[in-house]
Amino acid sequence: FTPIFAELRGRFRPQGRTGMIVAQAGLSPVFSNRYDDLLDYTLKGGAFAAIGWGYAWPLKRNHSAFLSVMYRQQQGSLTFDPEGGPTIIRQINYSFIMLRAGINL
């Protein structure tokens, strides 16, 4: 699953050291051959969302570093037809806590 998303950040103060709230939303398409051993399968991506909080501090005039902790949820589905059996649909959900560090340019 490789998410494609938009991110919104709400800073508590416009400049200087400040806390922030971070939200992401988008889609999570699948690029995988993990299930190639199954005959006649379909692997689909789904919704992607994350929310969290963090802290940002200035580095230079228009640059800042940040550190954030986020709860992330990704969805998808696997559909396959076993030989001589009914179609099986499995929902795939990934939930985890993510720690991010970066630089805003």
Protein backbone atom coordinates (compact mmCIF):
# COMPACT_ATOMS: atom_id res chain seq x y z
CA PHE A 1 0.00 0.00 0.00
CA THR A 2 1.38 3.35 -1.04
CA PRO A 3 -0.78 6.25 0.18
CA ILE A 4 -1.50 9.32 -1.93
CA PHE A 5 -2.84 12.01 0.37
CA ALA A 6 -3.31 15.66 1.28
CA GLU A 7 -1.98 16.96 4.58
CA LEU A 8 -3.22 19.82 6.73
CA ARG A 9 -1.26 21.30 9.62
CA GLY A 10 -2.67 23.66 12.18
CA ARG A 11 0.02 25.54 14.09
CA PHE A 12 -0.83 27.02 17.48
CA ARG A 13 1.35 30.07 16.72
CA PRO A 14 2.24 31.44 13.28
CA GLN A 15 6.00 31.66 13.95
CA GLY A 16 8.65 30.38 16.30
CA ARG A 17 8.53 27.22 18.37
CA THR A 18 4.99 25.88 18.40
CA GLY A 19 2.83 22.82 18.73
CA MET A 20 0.70 21.68 15.81
CA ILE A 21 -2.12 19.34 14.88
CA VAL A 22 -1.60 17.24 11.73
CA ALA A 23 -4.26 15.48 9.61
CA GLN A 24 -3.88 13.43 6.41
CA ALA A 25 -6.55 11.94 4.13
CA GLY A 26 -6.43 10.18 0.77
CA LEU A 27 -6.29 6.87 -1.05
CA SER A 28 -3.99 3.90 -0.61
CA PRO A 29 -3.46 2.10 -3.95
CA VAL A 30 -1.70 -1.27 -3.99
CA PHE A 31 1.48 -2.15 -5.87
CA SER A 32 2.23 -5.70 -4.73
CA ASN A 33 2.77 -9.22 -6.02
CA ARG A 34 2.53 -10.71 -2.53
CA TYR A 35 -0.45 -12.90 -3.46
CA ASP A 36 0.79 -14.22 -6.82
CA ASP A 37 0.52 -17.79 -5.49
CA LEU A 38 -3.31 -17.38 -5.52
CA LEU A 39 -5.15 -18.02 -8.76
CA ASP A 40 -7.49 -15.33 -10.03
CA TYR A 41 -7.11 -12.76 -7.24
CA THR A 42 -7.81 -9.04 -7.02
CA LEU A 43 -6.01 -6.81 -4.53
CA LYS A 44 -7.53 -3.33 -4.12
CA GLY A 45 -6.47 -0.36 -2.08
CA GLY A 46 -8.84 1.82 -0.13
CA ALA A 47 -9.09 4.81 2.16
CA PHE A 48 -6.17 6.30 4.05
CA ALA A 49 -6.36 8.62 7.08
CA ALA A 50 -4.03 9.80 9.82
CA ILE A 51 -4.25 12.29 12.67
CA GLY A 52 -1.74 13.41 15.24
CA TRP A 53 0.12 16.20 16.94
CA GLY A 54 3.64 17.49 16.82
CA TYR A 55 6.09 20.27 17.49
CA ALA A 56 7.88 22.59 15.04
CA TRP A 57 10.84 24.90 15.57
CA PRO A 58 12.52 27.40 13.22
CA LEU A 59 15.84 26.66 11.53
CA LYS A 60 16.21 29.66 9.21
CA ARG A 61 13.97 32.46 7.97
CA ASN A 62 11.53 30.29 5.95
CA HIS A 63 12.53 26.80 7.11
CA SER A 64 11.53 24.75 10.14
CA ALA A 65 12.06 21.26 11.53
CA PHE A 66 9.23 19.19 12.97
CA LEU A 67 8.57 16.05 14.95
CA SER A 68 5.11 14.46 15.08
CA VAL A 69 3.32 11.38 16.40
CA MET A 70 0.34 10.14 14.37
CA TYR A 71 -2.28 7.39 14.42
CA ARG A 72 -2.55 5.96 10.88
CA GLN A 73 -5.27 3.78 9.29
CA GLN A 74 -5.11 2.17 5.82
CA GLN A 75 -7.75 -0.05 4.22
CA GLY A 76 -7.85 -2.47 1.33
CA SER A 77 -9.40 -5.75 0.18
CA LEU A 78 -8.31 -9.09 -1.25
CA THR A 79 -10.74 -11.11 -3.38
CA PHE A 80 -9.91 -14.58 -4.69
CA ASP A 81 -11.59 -17.69 -6.04
CA PRO A 82 -10.18 -20.92 -4.61
CA GLU A 83 -10.51 -23.95 -6.86
CA GLY A 84 -13.97 -25.49 -6.42
CA GLY A 85 -15.00 -23.04 -3.70
CA PRO A 86 -16.92 -19.82 -3.30
CA THR A 87 -15.37 -16.38 -3.81
CA ILE A 88 -13.59 -15.15 -0.69
CA ILE A 89 -13.31 -11.45 0.19
CA ARG A 90 -10.91 -10.39 2.94
CA GLN A 91 -10.80 -6.85 4.29
CA ILE A 92 -7.28 -5.63 5.00
CA ASN A 93 -6.84 -2.93 7.66
CA TYR A 94 -3.54 -1.52 8.86
CA SER A 95 -3.58 0.56 12.05
CA PHE A 96 -0.42 1.82 13.67
CA ILE A 97 1.32 4.68 15.46
CA MET A 98 3.82 6.56 13.34
CA LEU A 99 6.68 8.85 14.40
CA ARG A 100 7.75 11.40 11.79
CA ALA A 101 10.61 13.88 11.66
CA GLY A 102 11.27 16.28 8.84
CA ILE A 103 12.14 19.72 7.52
CA ASN A 104 9.69 22.19 5.96
CA LEU A 105 11.30 24.02 3.05
